[in-house]
Amino acid sequence: MIKPWFRILVVFISVTLLIIIFRKVDIYQFLGVFFNLTISYYVIGLILALSTMFLFTLRWRMTLQKEIGIKYISLLYRIVTSYFFNNLFLCVFGGDIY
């Protein structure tokens, strides 16, 4: 019974922290920086971020290969979802959602 309440508390704290952080950010200044960004740097950053997901998946597949036979695409989907939630919520809660 304690675990569901703990998760609800962590979600509440995470959302509250996100609201506090984004209240301090001037959205127009953020958009100004985003629109003045050189497109080549943006594309290089996206390629690097995506390539790390593929490399993380390869690493986990090699680690889990002996225990379970899981397909690469399925594992990639799980890893991208887990990293998304780990970056969005507190680390105690994020990966546990998936």
PDB file of N, CA and C in Angstrom:
ATOM      1  N   MET A   1       0.808  -1.203   0.000  1.00  0.00           N
ATOM      2  CA  MET A   1       0.000   0.000   0.000  1.00  0.00           C
ATOM      3  C   MET A   1       0.850   1.264   0.000  1.00  0.00           C
ATOM      4  N   ILE A   2       2.042   1.187   0.529  1.00  0.00           N
ATOM      5  CA  ILE A   2       2.883   2.370   0.593  1.00  0.00           C
ATOM      6  C   ILE A   2       3.398   2.739  -0.791  1.00  0.00           C
ATOM      7  N   LYS A   3       3.675   1.768  -1.620  1.00  0.00           N
ATOM      8  CA  LYS A   3       4.281   2.033  -2.916  1.00  0.00           C
ATOM      9  C   LYS A   3       3.406   2.894  -3.835  1.00  0.00           C
ATOM     10  N   PRO A   4       2.104   2.626  -3.988  1.00  0.00           N
ATOM     11  CA  PRO A   4       1.294   3.524  -4.841  1.00  0.00           C
ATOM     12  C   PRO A   4       1.261   4.962  -4.318  1.00  0.00           C
ATOM     13  N   TRP A   5       1.184   5.141  -3.024  1.00  0.00           N
ATOM     14  CA  TRP A   5       1.178   6.500  -2.465  1.00  0.00           C
ATOM     15  C   TRP A   5       2.515   7.180  -2.711  1.00  0.00           C
ATOM     16  N   PHE A   6       3.597   6.411  -2.604  1.00  0.00           N
ATOM     17  CA  PHE A   6       4.924   6.963  -2.863  1.00  0.00           C
ATOM     18  C   PHE A   6       5.035   7.414  -4.311  1.00  0.00           C
ATOM     19  N   ARG A   7       4.532   6.619  -5.224  1.00  0.00           N
ATOM     20  CA  ARG A   7       4.584   6.989  -6.643  1.00  0.00           C
ATOM     21  C   ARG A   7       3.749   8.230  -6.917  1.00  0.00           C
ATOM     22  N   ILE A   8       2.597   8.329  -6.316  1.00  0.00           N
ATOM     23  CA  ILE A   8       1.763   9.514  -6.485  1.00  0.00           C
ATOM     24  C   ILE A   8       2.488  10.745  -5.947  1.00  0.00           C
ATOM     25  N   LEU A   9       3.150  10.598  -4.819  1.00  0.00           N
ATOM     26  CA  LEU A   9       3.917  11.697  -4.234  1.00  0.00           C
ATOM     27  C   LEU A   9       5.058  12.115  -5.159  1.00  0.00           C
ATOM     28  N   VAL A  10       5.749  11.155  -5.735  1.00  0.00           N
ATOM     29  CA  VAL A  10       6.864  11.465  -6.632  1.00  0.00           C
ATOM     30  C   VAL A  10       6.361  12.172  -7.889  1.00  0.00           C
ATOM     31  N   VAL A  11       5.236  11.741  -8.442  1.00  0.00           N
ATOM     32  CA  VAL A  11       4.660  12.410  -9.610  1.00  0.00           C
ATOM     33  C   VAL A  11       4.290  13.844  -9.251  1.00  0.00           C
ATOM     34  N   PHE A  12       3.676  14.034  -8.101  1.00  0.00           N
ATOM     35  CA  PHE A  12       3.289  15.375  -7.657  1.00  0.00           C
ATOM     36  C   PHE A  12       4.517  16.269  -7.512  1.00  0.00           C
ATOM     37  N   ILE A  13       5.569  15.753  -6.907  1.00  0.00           N
ATOM     38  CA  ILE A  13       6.796  16.535  -6.724  1.00  0.00           C
ATOM     39  C   ILE A  13       7.438  16.841  -8.077  1.00  0.00           C
ATOM     40  N   SER A  14       7.450  15.874  -8.978  1.00  0.00           N
ATOM     41  CA  SER A  14       8.047  16.083 -10.298  1.00  0.00           C
ATOM     42  C   SER A  14       7.305  17.166 -11.077  1.00  0.00           C
ATOM     43  N   VAL A  15       5.993  17.077 -11.092  1.00  0.00           N
ATOM     44  CA  VAL A  15       5.192  18.075 -11.813  1.00  0.00           C
ATOM     45  C   VAL A  15       5.362  19.444 -11.176  1.00  0.00           C
ATOM     46  N   THR A  16       5.382  19.503  -9.859  1.00  0.00           N
ATOM     47  CA  THR A  16       5.580  20.779  -9.166  1.00  0.00           C
ATOM     48  C   THR A  16       6.929  21.393  -9.510  1.00  0.00           C
ATOM     49  N   LEU A  17       7.979  20.576  -9.517  1.00  0.00           N
ATOM     50  CA  LEU A  17       9.303  21.082  -9.879  1.00  0.00           C
ATOM     51  C   LEU A  17       9.361  21.562 -11.322  1.00  0.00           C
ATOM     52  N   LEU A  18       8.709  20.843 -12.236  1.00  0.00           N
ATOM     53  CA  LEU A  18       8.668  21.281 -13.632  1.00  0.00           C
ATOM     54  C   LEU A  18       7.954  22.624 -13.772  1.00  0.00           C
ATOM     55  N   ILE A  19       6.866  22.797 -13.036  1.00  0.00           N
ATOM     56  CA  ILE A  19       6.127  24.066 -13.080  1.00  0.00           C
ATOM     57  C   ILE A  19       6.999  25.197 -12.538  1.00  0.00           C
ATOM     58  N   ILE A  20       7.671  24.945 -11.421  1.00  0.00           N
ATOM     59  CA  ILE A  20       8.540  25.973 -10.838  1.00  0.00           C
ATOM     60  C   ILE A  20       9.671  26.339 -11.790  1.00  0.00           C
ATOM     61  N   ILE A  21      10.274  25.351 -12.416  1.00  0.00           N
ATOM     62  CA  ILE A  21      11.380  25.617 -13.336  1.00  0.00           C
ATOM     63  C   ILE A  21      10.898  26.410 -14.546  1.00  0.00           C
ATOM     64  N   PHE A  22       9.774  26.014 -15.130  1.00  0.00           N
ATOM     65  CA  PHE A  22       9.309  26.684 -16.337  1.00  0.00           C
ATOM     66  C   PHE A  22       8.678  28.040 -16.064  1.00  0.00           C
ATOM     67  N   ARG A  23       8.328  28.335 -14.825  1.00  0.00           N
ATOM     68  CA  ARG A  23       7.844  29.678 -14.495  1.00  0.00           C
ATOM     69  C   ARG A  23       8.996  30.678 -14.519  1.00  0.00           C
ATOM     70  N   LYS A  24      10.206  30.203 -14.259  1.00  0.00           N
ATOM     71  CA  LYS A  24      11.384  31.068 -14.232  1.00  0.00           C
ATOM     72  C   LYS A  24      11.968  31.290 -15.626  1.00  0.00           C
ATOM     73  N   VAL A  25      11.540  30.503 -16.612  1.00  0.00           N
ATOM     74  CA  VAL A  25      12.084  30.597 -17.957  1.00  0.00           C
ATOM     75  C   VAL A  25      11.226  31.560 -18.771  1.00  0.00           C
ATOM     76  N   ASP A  26      11.895  32.500 -19.412  1.00  0.00           N
ATOM     77  CA  ASP A  26      11.190  33.408 -20.321  1.00  0.00           C
ATOM     78  C   ASP A  26      11.035  32.689 -21.658  1.00  0.00           C
ATOM     79  N   ILE A  27       9.826  32.324 -21.982  1.00  0.00           N
ATOM     80  CA  ILE A  27       9.578  31.501 -23.159  1.00  0.00           C
ATOM     81  C   ILE A  27       9.971  32.214 -24.451  1.00  0.00           C
ATOM     82  N   TYR A  28       9.817  33.536 -24.496  1.00  0.00           N
ATOM     83  CA  TYR A  28      10.170  34.271 -25.712  1.00  0.00           C
ATOM     84  C   TYR A  28      11.681  34.319 -25.910  1.00  0.00           C
ATOM     85  N   GLN A  29      12.426  34.420 -24.826  1.00  0.00           N
ATOM     86  CA  GLN A  29      13.877  34.376 -24.924  1.00  0.00           C
ATOM     87  C   GLN A  29      14.326  32.978 -25.366  1.00  0.00           C
ATOM     88  N   PHE A  30      13.681  31.945 -24.834  1.00  0.00           N
ATOM     89  CA  PHE A  30      13.996  30.572 -25.228  1.00  0.00           C
ATOM     90  C   PHE A  30      13.707  30.361 -26.709  1.00  0.00           C
ATOM     91  N   LEU A  31      12.567  30.819 -27.182  1.00  0.00           N
ATOM     92  CA  LEU A  31      12.224  30.671 -28.596  1.00  0.00           C
ATOM     93  C   LEU A  31      13.168  31.473 -29.479  1.00  0.00           C
ATOM     94  N   GLY A  32      13.623  32.637 -28.990  1.00  0.00           N
ATOM     95  CA  GLY A  32      14.584  33.432 -29.753  1.00  0.00           C
ATOM     96  C   GLY A  32      15.889  32.684 -29.950  1.00  0.00           C
ATOM     97  N   VAL A  33      16.362  32.037 -28.908  1.00  0.00           N
ATOM     98  CA  VAL A  33      17.587  31.240 -29.022  1.00  0.00           C
ATOM     99  C   VAL A  33      17.352  30.057 -29.960  1.00  0.00           C
ATOM    100  N   PHE A  34      16.201  29.423 -29.828  1.00  0.00           N
ATOM    101  CA  PHE A  34      15.888  28.263 -30.659  1.00  0.00           C
ATOM    102  C   PHE A  34      15.806  28.630 -32.136  1.00  0.00           C
ATOM    103  N   PHE A  35      15.172  29.763 -32.451  1.00  0.00           N
ATOM    104  CA  PHE A  35      15.023  30.148 -33.855  1.00  0.00           C
ATOM    105  C   PHE A  35      16.318  30.696 -34.450  1.00  0.00           C
ATOM    106  N   ASN A  36      17.231  31.178 -33.625  1.00  0.00           N
ATOM    107  CA  ASN A  36      18.520  31.669 -34.117  1.00  0.00           C
ATOM    108  C   ASN A  36      19.572  30.573 -34.187  1.00  0.00           C
ATOM    109  N   LEU A  37      19.197  29.372 -33.848  1.00  0.00           N
ATOM    110  CA  LEU A  37      20.114  28.245 -33.855  1.00  0.00           C
ATOM    111  C   LEU A  37      20.457  27.859 -35.290  1.00  0.00           C
ATOM    112  N   THR A  38      21.725  27.598 -35.522  1.00  0.00           N
ATOM    113  CA  THR A  38      22.160  27.139 -36.836  1.00  0.00           C
ATOM    114  C   THR A  38      21.634  25.718 -37.053  1.00  0.00           C
ATOM    115  N   ILE A  39      20.976  25.518 -38.184  1.00  0.00           N
ATOM    116  CA  ILE A  39      20.301  24.252 -38.444  1.00  0.00           C
ATOM    117  C   ILE A  39      21.291  23.084 -38.488  1.00  0.00           C
ATOM    118  N   SER A  40      22.502  23.318 -38.947  1.00  0.00           N
ATOM    119  CA  SER A  40      23.472  22.218 -39.018  1.00  0.00           C
ATOM    120  C   SER A  40      23.850  21.730 -37.608  1.00  0.00           C
ATOM    121  N   TYR A  41      23.989  22.662 -36.656  1.00  0.00           N
ATOM    122  CA  TYR A  41      24.280  22.255 -35.283  1.00  0.00           C
ATOM    123  C   TYR A  41      23.114  21.475 -34.685  1.00  0.00           C
ATOM    124  N   TYR A  42      21.917  21.902 -35.014  1.00  0.00           N
ATOM    125  CA  TYR A  42      20.721  21.216 -34.514  1.00  0.00           C
ATOM    126  C   TYR A  42      20.650  19.787 -35.059  1.00  0.00           C
ATOM    127  N   VAL A  43      20.908  19.628 -36.332  1.00  0.00           N
ATOM    128  CA  VAL A  43      20.859  18.298 -36.959  1.00  0.00           C
ATOM    129  C   VAL A  43      21.972  17.403 -36.402  1.00  0.00           C
ATOM    130  N   ILE A  44      23.164  17.963 -36.221  1.00  0.00           N
ATOM    131  CA  ILE A  44      24.269  17.180 -35.652  1.00  0.00           C
ATOM    132  C   ILE A  44      23.920  16.732 -34.230  1.00  0.00           C
ATOM    133  N   GLY A  45      23.324  17.625 -33.449  1.00  0.00           N
ATOM    134  CA  GLY A  45      22.911  17.265 -32.090  1.00  0.00           C
ATOM    135  C   GLY A  45      21.870  16.161 -32.080  1.00  0.00           C
ATOM    136  N   LEU A  46      20.888  16.238 -32.975  1.00  0.00           N
ATOM    137  CA  LEU A  46      19.870  15.183 -33.068  1.00  0.00           C
ATOM    138  C   LEU A  46      20.484  13.848 -33.476  1.00  0.00           C
ATOM    139  N   ILE A  47      21.410  13.882 -34.427  1.00  0.00           N
ATOM    140  CA  ILE A  47      22.057  12.645 -34.873  1.00  0.00           C
ATOM    141  C   ILE A  47      22.847  12.020 -33.728  1.00  0.00           C
ATOM    142  N   LEU A  48      23.567  12.842 -32.981  1.00  0.00           N
ATOM    143  CA  LEU A  48      24.326  12.320 -31.841  1.00  0.00           C
ATOM    144  C   LEU A  48      23.408  11.743 -30.770  1.00  0.00           C
ATOM    145  N   ALA A  49      22.318  12.433 -30.484  1.00  0.00           N
ATOM    146  CA  ALA A  49      21.380  11.935 -29.473  1.00  0.00           C
ATOM    147  C   ALA A  49      20.741  10.617 -29.905  1.00  0.00           C
ATOM    148  N   LEU A  50      20.340  10.528 -31.157  1.00  0.00           N
ATOM    149  CA  LEU A  50      19.736   9.287 -31.654  1.00  0.00           C
ATOM    150  C   LEU A  50      20.746   8.149 -31.723  1.00  0.00           C
ATOM    151  N   SER A  51      21.979   8.466 -32.096  1.00  0.00           N
ATOM    152  CA  SER A  51      22.985   7.405 -32.179  1.00  0.00           C
ATOM    153  C   SER A  51      23.295   6.837 -30.799  1.00  0.00           C
ATOM    154  N   THR A  52      23.233   7.665 -29.768  1.00  0.00           N
ATOM    155  CA  THR A  52      23.468   7.129 -28.425  1.00  0.00           C
ATOM    156  C   THR A  52      22.377   6.142 -28.039  1.00  0.00           C
ATOM    157  N   MET A  53      21.140   6.388 -28.465  1.00  0.00           N
ATOM    158  CA  MET A  53      20.064   5.438 -28.168  1.00  0.00           C
ATOM    159  C   MET A  53      20.330   4.096 -28.840  1.00  0.00           C
ATOM    160  N   PHE A  54      20.799   4.120 -30.077  1.00  0.00           N
ATOM    161  CA  PHE A  54      21.109   2.876 -30.779  1.00  0.00           C
ATOM    162  C   PHE A  54      22.275   2.144 -30.115  1.00  0.00           C
ATOM    163  N   LEU A  55      23.272   2.923 -29.647  1.00  0.00           N
ATOM    164  CA  LEU A  55      24.416   2.300 -28.967  1.00  0.00           C
ATOM    165  C   LEU A  55      24.021   1.743 -27.604  1.00  0.00           C
ATOM    166  N   PHE A  56      23.167   2.466 -26.861  1.00  0.00           N
ATOM    167  CA  PHE A  56      22.674   1.947 -25.580  1.00  0.00           C
ATOM    168  C   PHE A  56      21.905   0.646 -25.792  1.00  0.00           C
ATOM    169  N   THR A  57      21.100   0.612 -26.851  1.00  0.00           N
ATOM    170  CA  THR A  57      20.328  -0.591 -27.138  1.00  0.00           C
ATOM    171  C   THR A  57      21.243  -1.759 -27.467  1.00  0.00           C
ATOM    172  N   LEU A  58      22.272  -1.509 -28.247  1.00  0.00           N
ATOM    173  CA  LEU A  58      23.227  -2.564 -28.579  1.00  0.00           C
ATOM    174  C   LEU A  58      23.913  -3.081 -27.320  1.00  0.00           C
ATOM    175  N   ARG A  59      24.284  -2.168 -26.428  1.00  0.00           N
ATOM    176  CA  ARG A  59      24.938  -2.573 -25.183  1.00  0.00           C
ATOM    177  C   ARG A  59      24.000  -3.439 -24.334  1.00  0.00           C
ATOM    178  N   TRP A  60      22.744  -3.008 -24.191  1.00  0.00           N
ATOM    179  CA  TRP A  60      21.800  -3.784 -23.382  1.00  0.00           C
ATOM    180  C   TRP A  60      21.457  -5.116 -24.034  1.00  0.00           C
ATOM    181  N   ARG A  61      21.403  -5.139 -25.354  1.00  0.00           N
ATOM    182  CA  ARG A  61      21.108  -6.402 -26.039  1.00  0.00           C
ATOM    183  C   ARG A  61      22.222  -7.404 -25.809  1.00  0.00           C
ATOM    184  N   MET A  62      23.469  -6.922 -25.839  1.00  0.00           N
ATOM    185  CA  MET A  62      24.602  -7.817 -25.585  1.00  0.00           C
ATOM    186  C   MET A  62      24.583  -8.290 -24.132  1.00  0.00           C
ATOM    187  N   THR A  63      24.167  -7.434 -23.229  1.00  0.00           N
ATOM    188  CA  THR A  63      24.094  -7.807 -21.817  1.00  0.00           C
ATOM    189  C   THR A  63      22.983  -8.807 -21.564  1.00  0.00           C
ATOM    190  N   LEU A  64      21.828  -8.606 -22.185  1.00  0.00           N
ATOM    191  CA  LEU A  64      20.663  -9.455 -21.937  1.00  0.00           C
ATOM    192  C   LEU A  64      20.578 -10.661 -22.864  1.00  0.00           C
ATOM    193  N   GLN A  65      21.480 -10.784 -23.796  1.00  0.00           N
ATOM    194  CA  GLN A  65      21.394 -11.820 -24.812  1.00  0.00           C
ATOM    195  C   GLN A  65      21.389 -13.224 -24.220  1.00  0.00           C
ATOM    196  N   LYS A  66      22.133 -13.440 -23.178  1.00  0.00           N
ATOM    197  CA  LYS A  66      22.222 -14.780 -22.609  1.00  0.00           C
ATOM    198  C   LYS A  66      20.964 -15.139 -21.821  1.00  0.00           C
ATOM    199  N   GLU A  67      20.302 -14.138 -21.250  1.00  0.00           N
ATOM    200  CA  GLU A  67      19.156 -14.422 -20.381  1.00  0.00           C
ATOM    201  C   GLU A  67      17.845 -14.552 -21.156  1.00  0.00           C
ATOM    202  N   ILE A  68      17.580 -13.592 -22.026  1.00  0.00           N
ATOM    203  CA  ILE A  68      16.322 -13.624 -22.778  1.00  0.00           C
ATOM    204  C   ILE A  68      16.610 -13.279 -24.236  1.00  0.00           C
ATOM    205  N   GLY A  69      15.863 -13.866 -25.112  1.00  0.00           N
ATOM    206  CA  GLY A  69      15.999 -13.548 -26.530  1.00  0.00           C
ATOM    207  C   GLY A  69      15.024 -12.446 -26.899  1.00  0.00           C
ATOM    208  N   ILE A  70      15.488 -11.212 -26.922  1.00  0.00           N
ATOM    209  CA  ILE A  70      14.609 -10.076 -27.215  1.00  0.00           C
ATOM    210  C   ILE A  70      15.077  -9.427 -28.515  1.00  0.00           C
ATOM    211  N   LYS A  71      14.129  -8.999 -29.329  1.00  0.00           N
ATOM    212  CA  LYS A  71      14.454  -8.378 -30.605  1.00  0.00           C
ATOM    213  C   LYS A  71      15.009  -6.973 -30.382  1.00  0.00           C
ATOM    214  N   TYR A  72      15.875  -6.555 -31.296  1.00  0.00           N
ATOM    215  CA  TYR A  72      16.540  -5.261 -31.180  1.00  0.00           C
ATOM    216  C   TYR A  72      15.529  -4.111 -31.195  1.00  0.00           C
ATOM    217  N   ILE A  73      14.574  -4.143 -32.086  1.00  0.00           N
ATOM    218  CA  ILE A  73      13.592  -3.056 -32.209  1.00  0.00           C
ATOM    219  C   ILE A  73      12.750  -2.954 -30.941  1.00  0.00           C
ATOM    220  N   SER A  74      12.352  -4.077 -30.399  1.00  0.00           N
ATOM    221  CA  SER A  74      11.573  -4.076 -29.167  1.00  0.00           C
ATOM    222  C   SER A  74      12.378  -3.485 -28.010  1.00  0.00           C
ATOM    223  N   LEU A  75      13.631  -3.856 -27.933  1.00  0.00           N
ATOM    224  CA  LEU A  75      14.497  -3.326 -26.882  1.00  0.00           C
ATOM    225  C   LEU A  75      14.748  -1.831 -27.090  1.00  0.00           C
ATOM    226  N   LEU A  76      14.915  -1.404 -28.338  1.00  0.00           N
ATOM    227  CA  LEU A  76      15.096   0.017 -28.632  1.00  0.00           C
ATOM    228  C   LEU A  76      13.883   0.817 -28.180  1.00  0.00           C
ATOM    229  N   TYR A  77      12.695   0.310 -28.451  1.00  0.00           N
ATOM    230  CA  TYR A  77      11.464   0.981 -28.022  1.00  0.00           C
ATOM    231  C   TYR A  77      11.428   1.125 -26.499  1.00  0.00           C
ATOM    232  N   ARG A  78      11.780   0.088 -25.795  1.00  0.00           N
ATOM    233  CA  ARG A  78      11.770   0.128 -24.341  1.00  0.00           C
ATOM    234  C   ARG A  78      12.812   1.087 -23.783  1.00  0.00           C
ATOM    235  N   ILE A  79      13.977   1.117 -24.381  1.00  0.00           N
ATOM    236  CA  ILE A  79      15.043   1.992 -23.894  1.00  0.00           C
ATOM    237  C   ILE A  79      14.704   3.454 -24.152  1.00  0.00           C
ATOM    238  N   VAL A  80      14.199   3.783 -25.330  1.00  0.00           N
ATOM    239  CA  VAL A  80      13.824   5.175 -25.617  1.00  0.00           C
ATOM    240  C   VAL A  80      12.720   5.632 -24.676  1.00  0.00           C
ATOM    241  N   THR A  81      11.736   4.777 -24.424  1.00  0.00           N
ATOM    242  CA  THR A  81      10.657   5.118 -23.503  1.00  0.00           C
ATOM    243  C   THR A  81      11.190   5.312 -22.085  1.00  0.00           C
ATOM    244  N   SER A  82      12.051   4.438 -21.647  1.00  0.00           N
ATOM    245  CA  SER A  82      12.604   4.536 -20.298  1.00  0.00           C
ATOM    246  C   SER A  82      13.448   5.795 -20.123  1.00  0.00           C
ATOM    247  N   TYR A  83      14.296   6.101 -21.109  1.00  0.00           N
ATOM    248  CA  TYR A  83      15.114   7.306 -21.009  1.00  0.00           C
ATOM    249  C   TYR A  83      14.254   8.562 -21.038  1.00  0.00           C
ATOM    250  N   PHE A  84      13.180   8.550 -21.815  1.00  0.00           N
ATOM    251  CA  PHE A  84      12.279   9.698 -21.841  1.00  0.00           C
ATOM    252  C   PHE A  84      11.688   9.948 -20.458  1.00  0.00           C
ATOM    253  N   PHE A  85      11.158   8.901 -19.835  1.00  0.00           N
ATOM    254  CA  PHE A  85      10.547   9.082 -18.520  1.00  0.00           C
ATOM    255  C   PHE A  85      11.588   9.377 -17.442  1.00  0.00           C
ATOM    256  N   ASN A  86      12.788   8.824 -17.564  1.00  0.00           N
ATOM    257  CA  ASN A  86      13.835   9.135 -16.592  1.00  0.00           C
ATOM    258  C   ASN A  86      14.256  10.595 -16.677  1.00  0.00           C
ATOM    259  N   ASN A  87      14.229  11.177 -17.854  1.00  0.00           N
ATOM    260  CA  ASN A  87      14.577  12.585 -17.993  1.00  0.00           C
ATOM    261  C   ASN A  87      13.429  13.502 -17.607  1.00  0.00           C
ATOM    262  N   LEU A  88      12.212  13.016 -17.709  1.00  0.00           N
ATOM    263  CA  LEU A  88      11.057  13.846 -17.397  1.00  0.00           C
ATOM    264  C   LEU A  88      10.736  13.845 -15.905  1.00  0.00           C
ATOM    265  N   PHE A  89      10.830  12.697 -15.271  1.00  0.00           N
ATOM    266  CA  PHE A  89      10.486  12.576 -13.860  1.00  0.00           C
ATOM    267  C   PHE A  89      11.743  12.350 -13.018  1.00  0.00           C
ATOM    268  N   LEU A  90      11.545  12.296 -11.721  1.00  0.00           N
ATOM    269  CA  LEU A  90      12.657  11.986 -10.829  1.00  0.00           C
ATOM    270  C   LEU A  90      13.179  10.590 -11.134  1.00  0.00           C
ATOM    271  N   CYS A  91      14.468  10.384 -10.909  1.00  0.00           N
ATOM    272  CA  CYS A  91      15.089   9.120 -11.309  1.00  0.00           C
ATOM    273  C   CYS A  91      14.526   7.913 -10.556  1.00  0.00           C
ATOM    274  N   VAL A  92      13.951   8.130  -9.387  1.00  0.00           N
ATOM    275  CA  VAL A  92      13.376   7.012  -8.632  1.00  0.00           C
ATOM    276  C   VAL A  92      12.158   6.470  -9.354  1.00  0.00           C
ATOM    277  N   PHE A  93      11.459   7.318 -10.062  1.00  0.00           N
ATOM    278  CA  PHE A  93      10.167   6.975 -10.608  1.00  0.00           C
ATOM    279  C   PHE A  93      10.166   6.770 -12.118  1.00  0.00           C
ATOM    280  N   GLY A  94      10.997   7.492 -12.834  1.00  0.00           N
ATOM    281  CA  GLY A  94      10.914   7.558 -14.301  1.00  0.00           C
ATOM    282  C   GLY A  94      10.933   6.239 -15.024  1.00  0.00           C
ATOM    283  N   GLY A  95      11.997   5.468 -14.869  1.00  0.00           N
ATOM    284  CA  GLY A  95      12.106   4.200 -15.585  1.00  0.00           C
ATOM    285  C   GLY A  95      11.130   3.163 -15.094  1.00  0.00           C
ATOM    286  N   ASP A  96      10.606   3.340 -13.890  1.00  0.00           N
ATOM    287  CA  ASP A  96       9.658   2.385 -13.340  1.00  0.00           C
ATOM    288  C   ASP A  96       8.291   2.477 -13.999  1.00  0.00           C
ATOM    289  N   ILE A  97       7.982   3.603 -14.617  1.00  0.00           N
ATOM    290  CA  ILE A  97       6.683   3.743 -15.286  1.00  0.00           C
ATOM    291  C   ILE A  97       6.565   2.691 -16.364  1.00  0.00           C
ATOM    292  N   TYR A  98       7.613   2.575 -17.171  1.00  0.00           N
ATOM    293  CA  TYR A  98       7.540   1.620 -18.276  1.00  0.00           C
ATOM    294  C   TYR A  98       7.594   0.214 -17.745  1.00  0.00           C
TER     295      TYR A  98
END
